[in-house]
Amino acid sequence: MECIVHFEVMHHDGVKELRGLIYPKEGNIPTESDFLQMFEEMGYKLRLEDRENLVFKPVEAGADYDRVRVRRLDTGEKSYKEDGDLKSLLTNLIPRSSRPL
């Protein structure tokens, strides 16, 4: 299954809206490690800062952006929006362990 991740990168000079792809197993939504791997492949080295709102912060001090925020997931079957389904599903499905990223 293909999942299109709509996200925004807050650069020092403005916001850029981007998209990425994740291929979770059929019937599943992306995990924290799926997001981190996708972002790393795109050149963003991040850690999860706010699990409920899917806000990621750079791990490198010299990054030219402040944060990355997932706005929407599109699986082609149902689009999970930031304000309801996305927060609820990801809050319940992403493990809450405090293991290092």
N, C-alpha and C. Protein backbone atom coordinates (compact mmCIF):
# COMPACT_ATOMS: atom_id res chain seq x y z
N MET A 1 0.84 -1.18 0.00
CA MET A 1 0.00 0.00 0.00
C MET A 1 0.90 1.25 0.00
N GLU A 2 0.49 2.23 -0.73
CA GLU A 2 1.23 3.49 -0.82
C GLU A 2 0.56 4.54 0.06
N CYS A 3 1.35 5.30 0.78
CA CYS A 3 0.84 6.37 1.63
C CYS A 3 1.58 7.65 1.28
N ILE A 4 0.85 8.65 0.85
CA ILE A 4 1.44 9.96 0.55
C ILE A 4 1.39 10.78 1.83
N VAL A 5 2.54 11.29 2.23
CA VAL A 5 2.65 12.08 3.45
C VAL A 5 2.78 13.55 3.04
N HIS A 6 1.80 14.35 3.42
CA HIS A 6 1.84 15.79 3.16
C HIS A 6 2.40 16.45 4.42
N PHE A 7 3.48 17.21 4.26
CA PHE A 7 4.10 17.83 5.42
C PHE A 7 4.63 19.20 5.07
N GLU A 8 4.92 19.97 6.11
CA GLU A 8 5.48 21.30 5.91
C GLU A 8 6.78 21.41 6.68
N VAL A 9 7.73 22.10 6.06
CA VAL A 9 9.04 22.34 6.67
C VAL A 9 9.11 23.82 6.99
N MET A 10 9.31 24.14 8.28
CA MET A 10 9.39 25.52 8.71
C MET A 10 10.85 25.98 8.63
N HIS A 11 11.19 26.62 7.51
CA HIS A 11 12.53 27.19 7.32
C HIS A 11 12.58 28.56 7.98
N HIS A 12 13.76 29.05 8.18
CA HIS A 12 13.92 30.36 8.81
C HIS A 12 13.29 31.48 7.98
N ASP A 13 13.22 31.29 6.66
CA ASP A 13 12.68 32.32 5.78
C ASP A 13 11.27 32.01 5.27
N GLY A 14 10.62 31.00 5.79
CA GLY A 14 9.26 30.68 5.37
C GLY A 14 8.96 29.19 5.45
N VAL A 15 7.73 28.87 5.08
CA VAL A 15 7.24 27.48 5.15
C VAL A 15 7.21 26.88 3.76
N LYS A 16 7.69 25.64 3.63
CA LYS A 16 7.62 24.91 2.37
C LYS A 16 6.73 23.70 2.58
N GLU A 17 5.75 23.52 1.71
CA GLU A 17 4.87 22.36 1.77
C GLU A 17 5.40 21.30 0.81
N LEU A 18 5.64 20.11 1.33
CA LEU A 18 6.22 19.02 0.54
C LEU A 18 5.42 17.74 0.72
N ARG A 19 5.79 16.73 -0.07
CA ARG A 19 5.17 15.41 0.05
C ARG A 19 6.25 14.35 -0.01
N GLY A 20 5.95 13.22 0.62
CA GLY A 20 6.84 12.08 0.59
C GLY A 20 6.01 10.81 0.49
N LEU A 21 6.67 9.70 0.22
CA LEU A 21 5.99 8.41 0.10
C LEU A 21 6.48 7.42 1.13
N ILE A 22 5.53 6.68 1.68
CA ILE A 22 5.83 5.59 2.58
C ILE A 22 5.03 4.39 2.10
N TYR A 23 5.60 3.21 2.21
CA TYR A 23 4.91 1.98 1.80
C TYR A 23 4.68 1.07 3.00
N PRO A 24 3.68 1.38 3.83
CA PRO A 24 3.39 0.50 4.97
C PRO A 24 2.72 -0.78 4.50
N LYS A 25 2.71 -1.79 5.37
CA LYS A 25 2.02 -3.03 5.03
C LYS A 25 0.53 -2.75 4.86
N GLU A 26 -0.11 -3.54 4.04
CA GLU A 26 -1.53 -3.37 3.72
C GLU A 26 -2.36 -3.27 5.00
N GLY A 27 -3.19 -2.24 5.06
CA GLY A 27 -4.08 -2.05 6.20
C GLY A 27 -3.47 -1.31 7.37
N ASN A 28 -2.17 -1.01 7.32
CA ASN A 28 -1.51 -0.30 8.42
C ASN A 28 -1.24 1.14 8.03
N ILE A 29 -1.07 1.97 9.03
CA ILE A 29 -0.64 3.34 8.78
C ILE A 29 0.84 3.43 9.13
N PRO A 30 1.54 4.46 8.69
CA PRO A 30 2.98 4.55 8.94
C PRO A 30 3.32 4.63 10.42
N THR A 31 4.46 4.06 10.78
CA THR A 31 4.96 4.12 12.15
C THR A 31 5.95 5.27 12.27
N GLU A 32 6.38 5.52 13.49
CA GLU A 32 7.37 6.57 13.73
C GLU A 32 8.63 6.31 12.92
N SER A 33 9.09 5.05 12.91
CA SER A 33 10.31 4.74 12.15
C SER A 33 10.10 4.90 10.65
N ASP A 34 8.88 4.66 10.16
CA ASP A 34 8.58 4.89 8.74
C ASP A 34 8.76 6.36 8.39
N PHE A 35 8.21 7.23 9.24
CA PHE A 35 8.35 8.68 9.00
C PHE A 35 9.82 9.08 9.03
N LEU A 36 10.54 8.63 10.07
CA LEU A 36 11.95 9.02 10.21
C LEU A 36 12.79 8.54 9.04
N GLN A 37 12.52 7.34 8.56
CA GLN A 37 13.26 6.81 7.41
C GLN A 37 12.96 7.62 6.16
N MET A 38 11.68 7.94 5.92
CA MET A 38 11.30 8.74 4.76
C MET A 38 12.00 10.10 4.80
N PHE A 39 11.94 10.76 5.97
CA PHE A 39 12.57 12.07 6.09
C PHE A 39 14.08 11.98 5.87
N GLU A 40 14.72 10.96 6.42
CA GLU A 40 16.16 10.81 6.25
C GLU A 40 16.52 10.62 4.78
N GLU A 41 15.73 9.83 4.07
CA GLU A 41 15.97 9.62 2.63
C GLU A 41 15.82 10.92 1.86
N MET A 42 15.05 11.86 2.41
CA MET A 42 14.85 13.17 1.77
C MET A 42 15.88 14.20 2.24
N GLY A 43 16.79 13.78 3.15
CA GLY A 43 17.84 14.68 3.61
C GLY A 43 17.55 15.38 4.93
N TYR A 44 16.45 15.02 5.59
CA TYR A 44 16.11 15.62 6.87
C TYR A 44 16.45 14.63 7.99
N LYS A 45 17.34 15.02 8.88
CA LYS A 45 17.68 14.18 10.03
C LYS A 45 16.88 14.72 11.21
N LEU A 46 15.89 13.95 11.64
CA LEU A 46 14.92 14.45 12.61
C LEU A 46 14.74 13.51 13.78
N ARG A 47 14.07 14.03 14.80
CA ARG A 47 13.58 13.23 15.92
C ARG A 47 12.14 13.68 16.18
N LEU A 48 11.32 12.78 16.70
CA LEU A 48 9.93 13.11 16.97
C LEU A 48 9.85 13.95 18.23
N GLU A 49 9.31 15.15 18.11
CA GLU A 49 9.19 16.09 19.22
C GLU A 49 7.81 16.04 19.85
N ASP A 50 6.77 16.02 19.04
CA ASP A 50 5.39 16.05 19.53
C ASP A 50 4.62 14.93 18.83
N ARG A 51 4.38 13.85 19.55
CA ARG A 51 3.74 12.66 18.99
C ARG A 51 2.31 12.93 18.55
N GLU A 52 1.56 13.69 19.33
CA GLU A 52 0.15 13.94 19.00
C GLU A 52 -0.02 14.74 17.72
N ASN A 53 0.83 15.73 17.52
CA ASN A 53 0.72 16.61 16.35
C ASN A 53 1.70 16.26 15.24
N LEU A 54 2.46 15.18 15.43
CA LEU A 54 3.47 14.74 14.46
C LEU A 54 4.40 15.88 14.05
N VAL A 55 5.04 16.46 15.06
CA VAL A 55 6.03 17.51 14.84
C VAL A 55 7.40 16.90 15.09
N PHE A 56 8.29 17.11 14.13
CA PHE A 56 9.65 16.59 14.19
C PHE A 56 10.62 17.76 14.26
N LYS A 57 11.70 17.60 15.02
CA LYS A 57 12.74 18.63 15.15
C LYS A 57 14.04 18.10 14.58
N PRO A 58 14.88 18.98 14.04
CA PRO A 58 16.17 18.53 13.50
C PRO A 58 17.10 18.06 14.62
N VAL A 59 17.92 17.06 14.32
CA VAL A 59 18.90 16.58 15.30
C VAL A 59 20.23 17.30 15.13
N GLU A 60 20.44 17.95 14.00
CA GLU A 60 21.67 18.70 13.74
C GLU A 60 21.47 20.16 14.11
N ALA A 61 22.41 20.71 14.86
CA ALA A 61 22.30 22.09 15.34
C ALA A 61 22.31 23.12 14.21
N GLY A 62 22.98 22.86 13.12
CA GLY A 62 23.11 23.84 12.05
C GLY A 62 22.05 23.76 10.98
N ALA A 63 20.97 23.05 11.22
CA ALA A 63 19.92 22.89 10.20
C ALA A 63 19.29 24.24 9.86
N ASP A 64 18.92 24.41 8.59
CA ASP A 64 18.31 25.67 8.15
C ASP A 64 16.79 25.65 8.27
N TYR A 65 16.25 24.76 9.09
CA TYR A 65 14.82 24.70 9.34
C TYR A 65 14.60 24.43 10.83
N ASP A 66 13.45 24.87 11.33
CA ASP A 66 13.15 24.74 12.75
C ASP A 66 12.42 23.45 13.10
N ARG A 67 11.50 23.06 12.23
CA ARG A 67 10.71 21.86 12.50
C ARG A 67 10.02 21.38 11.23
N VAL A 68 9.54 20.15 11.29
CA VAL A 68 8.77 19.55 10.21
C VAL A 68 7.48 19.03 10.84
N ARG A 69 6.36 19.32 10.19
CA ARG A 69 5.07 18.89 10.73
C ARG A 69 4.28 18.16 9.65
N VAL A 70 3.83 16.95 9.99
CA VAL A 70 2.98 16.18 9.07
C VAL A 70 1.58 16.78 9.12
N ARG A 71 1.06 17.11 7.95
CA ARG A 71 -0.26 17.73 7.87
C ARG A 71 -1.35 16.72 7.55
N ARG A 72 -1.02 15.75 6.67
CA ARG A 72 -2.07 14.84 6.21
C ARG A 72 -1.44 13.58 5.65
N LEU A 73 -2.15 12.46 5.80
CA LEU A 73 -1.75 11.19 5.19
C LEU A 73 -2.82 10.82 4.18
N ASP A 74 -2.39 10.37 3.00
CA ASP A 74 -3.32 9.96 1.96
C ASP A 74 -2.96 8.55 1.52
N THR A 75 -3.82 7.60 1.86
CA THR A 75 -3.58 6.20 1.49
C THR A 75 -4.31 5.81 0.22
N GLY A 76 -5.07 6.73 -0.33
CA GLY A 76 -5.86 6.42 -1.53
C GLY A 76 -7.22 5.87 -1.17
N GLU A 77 -7.34 5.30 0.02
CA GLU A 77 -8.63 4.78 0.47
C GLU A 77 -9.35 5.81 1.32
N LYS A 78 -8.62 6.36 2.26
CA LYS A 78 -9.19 7.36 3.15
C LYS A 78 -8.08 8.34 3.49
N SER A 79 -8.40 9.60 3.51
CA SER A 79 -7.41 10.61 3.83
C SER A 79 -7.56 10.98 5.30
N TYR A 80 -6.50 10.80 6.07
CA TYR A 80 -6.53 11.12 7.49
C TYR A 80 -6.06 12.56 7.67
N LYS A 81 -6.92 13.38 8.21
CA LYS A 81 -6.57 14.78 8.40
C LYS A 81 -6.01 15.02 9.78
N GLU A 82 -5.19 16.05 9.88
CA GLU A 82 -4.48 16.39 11.09
C GLU A 82 -5.40 16.58 12.30
N ASP A 83 -6.57 17.12 12.11
CA ASP A 83 -7.39 17.52 13.24
C ASP A 83 -8.19 16.41 13.92
N GLY A 84 -8.32 15.25 13.35
CA GLY A 84 -9.14 14.24 14.01
C GLY A 84 -8.58 12.85 13.90
N ASP A 85 -8.86 12.23 12.77
CA ASP A 85 -8.47 10.84 12.58
C ASP A 85 -6.97 10.64 12.73
N LEU A 86 -6.17 11.51 12.17
CA LEU A 86 -4.72 11.34 12.21
C LEU A 86 -4.20 11.33 13.64
N LYS A 87 -4.59 12.32 14.43
CA LYS A 87 -4.11 12.38 15.81
C LYS A 87 -4.54 11.15 16.59
N SER A 88 -5.80 10.78 16.47
CA SER A 88 -6.32 9.65 17.22
C SER A 88 -5.64 8.34 16.84
N LEU A 89 -5.56 8.07 15.53
CA LEU A 89 -4.94 6.83 15.08
C LEU A 89 -3.47 6.73 15.45
N LEU A 90 -2.73 7.78 15.19
CA LEU A 90 -1.30 7.74 15.44
C LEU A 90 -0.98 7.74 16.92
N THR A 91 -1.79 8.41 17.72
CA THR A 91 -1.57 8.40 19.16
C THR A 91 -1.71 6.98 19.70
N ASN A 92 -2.65 6.23 19.15
CA ASN A 92 -2.89 4.87 19.63
C ASN A 92 -1.97 3.83 19.00
N LEU A 93 -1.48 4.07 17.79
CA LEU A 93 -0.72 3.06 17.09
C LEU A 93 0.79 3.20 17.20
N ILE A 94 1.29 4.41 17.39
CA ILE A 94 2.74 4.59 17.51
C ILE A 94 3.13 4.27 18.95
N PRO A 95 4.12 3.40 19.13
CA PRO A 95 4.52 3.05 20.50
C PRO A 95 4.99 4.28 21.27
N ARG A 96 4.68 4.31 22.55
CA ARG A 96 5.02 5.45 23.38
C ARG A 96 6.33 5.28 24.13
N SER A 97 7.13 4.31 23.74
CA SER A 97 8.40 4.10 24.44
C SER A 97 9.31 5.29 24.22
N SER A 98 10.16 5.53 25.17
CA SER A 98 11.08 6.67 25.07
C SER A 98 12.47 6.18 24.63
N ARG A 99 12.47 5.28 23.68
CA ARG A 99 13.74 4.79 23.18
C ARG A 99 14.36 5.81 22.25
N PRO A 100 15.70 5.86 22.18
CA PRO A 100 16.37 6.83 21.32
C PRO A 100 16.05 6.59 19.84
N LEU A 101 15.96 7.69 19.12
CA LEU A 101 15.67 7.60 17.69
C LEU A 101 16.97 7.48 17.01
